[in-house]
Amino acid sequence: MSMLRTWALLVLLVVAAATDAAVPEIPRFRVLGPADGLPATTVPALARDHDGFLWAATWDGLGALRRRRLPRLAA
C-alpha cells in the first residue's frame, strides 16, 4: 500500500509540474490628470462605450480615453 501511495504522489507531482498554471497578472494602476488630457483632476463618473472608449466626466468637461490618450471635449 505504501508503494502505491508513493507512486500516486509521484504521478500527481509530475502532472502538477507539467501543467502550466496561469498566474493572474497584478493590475497596474496609473493616475491620469490634466497632463494626460483629462479636463480636471476630479472624475465623478466613468463609462465605457461599445467602441472601447472610456469616458471620464469631470466638472470641467468630458474626456474620452482610448489607448492612454484623453482628447478633451469642450464642456
Protein backbone atom coordinates (compact mmCIF):
# COMPACT_ATOMS: atom_id res chain seq x y z
CA MET A 1 0.00 0.00 0.00
CA SER A 2 2.85 2.35 0.80
CA MET A 3 4.41 1.80 -2.64
CA LEU A 4 1.08 2.54 -4.34
CA ARG A 5 0.71 5.75 -2.34
CA THR A 6 4.27 6.79 -3.28
CA TRP A 7 3.59 6.20 -6.99
CA ALA A 8 0.30 8.08 -6.83
CA LEU A 9 2.03 11.02 -5.17
CA LEU A 10 4.82 10.94 -7.76
CA VAL A 11 2.32 10.90 -10.64
CA LEU A 12 0.38 13.74 -9.05
CA LEU A 13 3.54 15.82 -8.69
CA VAL A 14 4.57 15.17 -12.29
CA VAL A 15 1.13 16.13 -13.59
CA ALA A 16 1.05 19.25 -11.42
CA ALA A 17 4.51 20.28 -12.61
CA ALA A 18 3.62 19.65 -16.26
CA THR A 19 0.52 21.83 -16.23
CA ASP A 20 1.30 25.43 -16.92
CA ALA A 21 -0.73 27.13 -14.23
CA ALA A 22 -1.54 30.66 -15.29
CA VAL A 23 -0.68 33.19 -12.63
CA PRO A 24 -3.02 36.19 -12.80
CA GLU A 25 -1.30 39.42 -13.71
CA ILE A 26 -1.15 42.04 -10.99
CA PRO A 27 -3.26 45.04 -12.05
CA ARG A 28 -1.25 48.15 -12.72
CA PHE A 29 -2.93 51.41 -11.92
CA ARG A 30 -1.94 54.73 -13.39
CA VAL A 31 -3.09 58.11 -12.17
CA LEU A 32 -4.26 60.31 -15.03
CA GLY A 33 -4.63 64.05 -14.87
CA PRO A 34 -4.56 67.23 -16.94
CA ALA A 35 -1.09 66.38 -18.30
CA ASP A 36 -2.67 63.30 -19.93
CA GLY A 37 -5.50 65.32 -21.47
CA LEU A 38 -8.06 64.89 -18.69
CA PRO A 39 -10.04 68.13 -18.31
CA ALA A 40 -9.82 68.09 -14.48
CA THR A 41 -8.46 66.00 -11.64
CA THR A 42 -11.85 65.11 -10.17
CA VAL A 43 -13.82 62.43 -12.05
CA PRO A 44 -17.30 61.84 -10.60
CA ALA A 45 -18.35 59.39 -13.36
CA LEU A 46 -16.84 56.87 -15.79
CA ALA A 47 -18.49 54.96 -18.62
CA ARG A 48 -17.28 52.64 -21.37
CA ASP A 49 -18.99 52.58 -24.76
CA HIS A 50 -19.29 49.77 -27.32
CA ASP A 51 -16.29 51.12 -29.31
CA GLY A 52 -13.96 50.68 -26.34
CA PHE A 53 -13.72 54.32 -25.30
CA LEU A 54 -13.60 55.07 -21.59
CA TRP A 55 -15.45 58.32 -20.98
CA ALA A 56 -14.46 60.41 -17.96
CA ALA A 57 -16.95 63.04 -16.85
CA THR A 58 -15.32 65.92 -14.94
CA TRP A 59 -16.58 69.26 -13.72
CA ASP A 60 -14.55 70.96 -16.48
CA GLY A 61 -15.54 68.78 -19.41
CA LEU A 62 -15.63 65.29 -20.84
CA GLY A 63 -12.62 63.17 -21.75
CA ALA A 64 -12.53 60.01 -23.88
CA LEU A 65 -9.71 57.58 -23.14
CA ARG A 66 -8.51 55.32 -25.92
CA ARG A 67 -5.03 53.86 -25.79
CA ARG A 68 -3.74 56.07 -22.96
CA ARG A 69 -4.69 59.41 -24.52
CA LEU A 70 -7.54 61.61 -23.39
CA PRO A 71 -8.78 64.03 -26.03
CA ARG A 72 -10.58 66.90 -24.28
CA LEU A 73 -14.08 67.75 -25.36
CA ALA A 74 -15.45 71.21 -24.54
CA ALA A 75 -17.99 71.47 -21.76
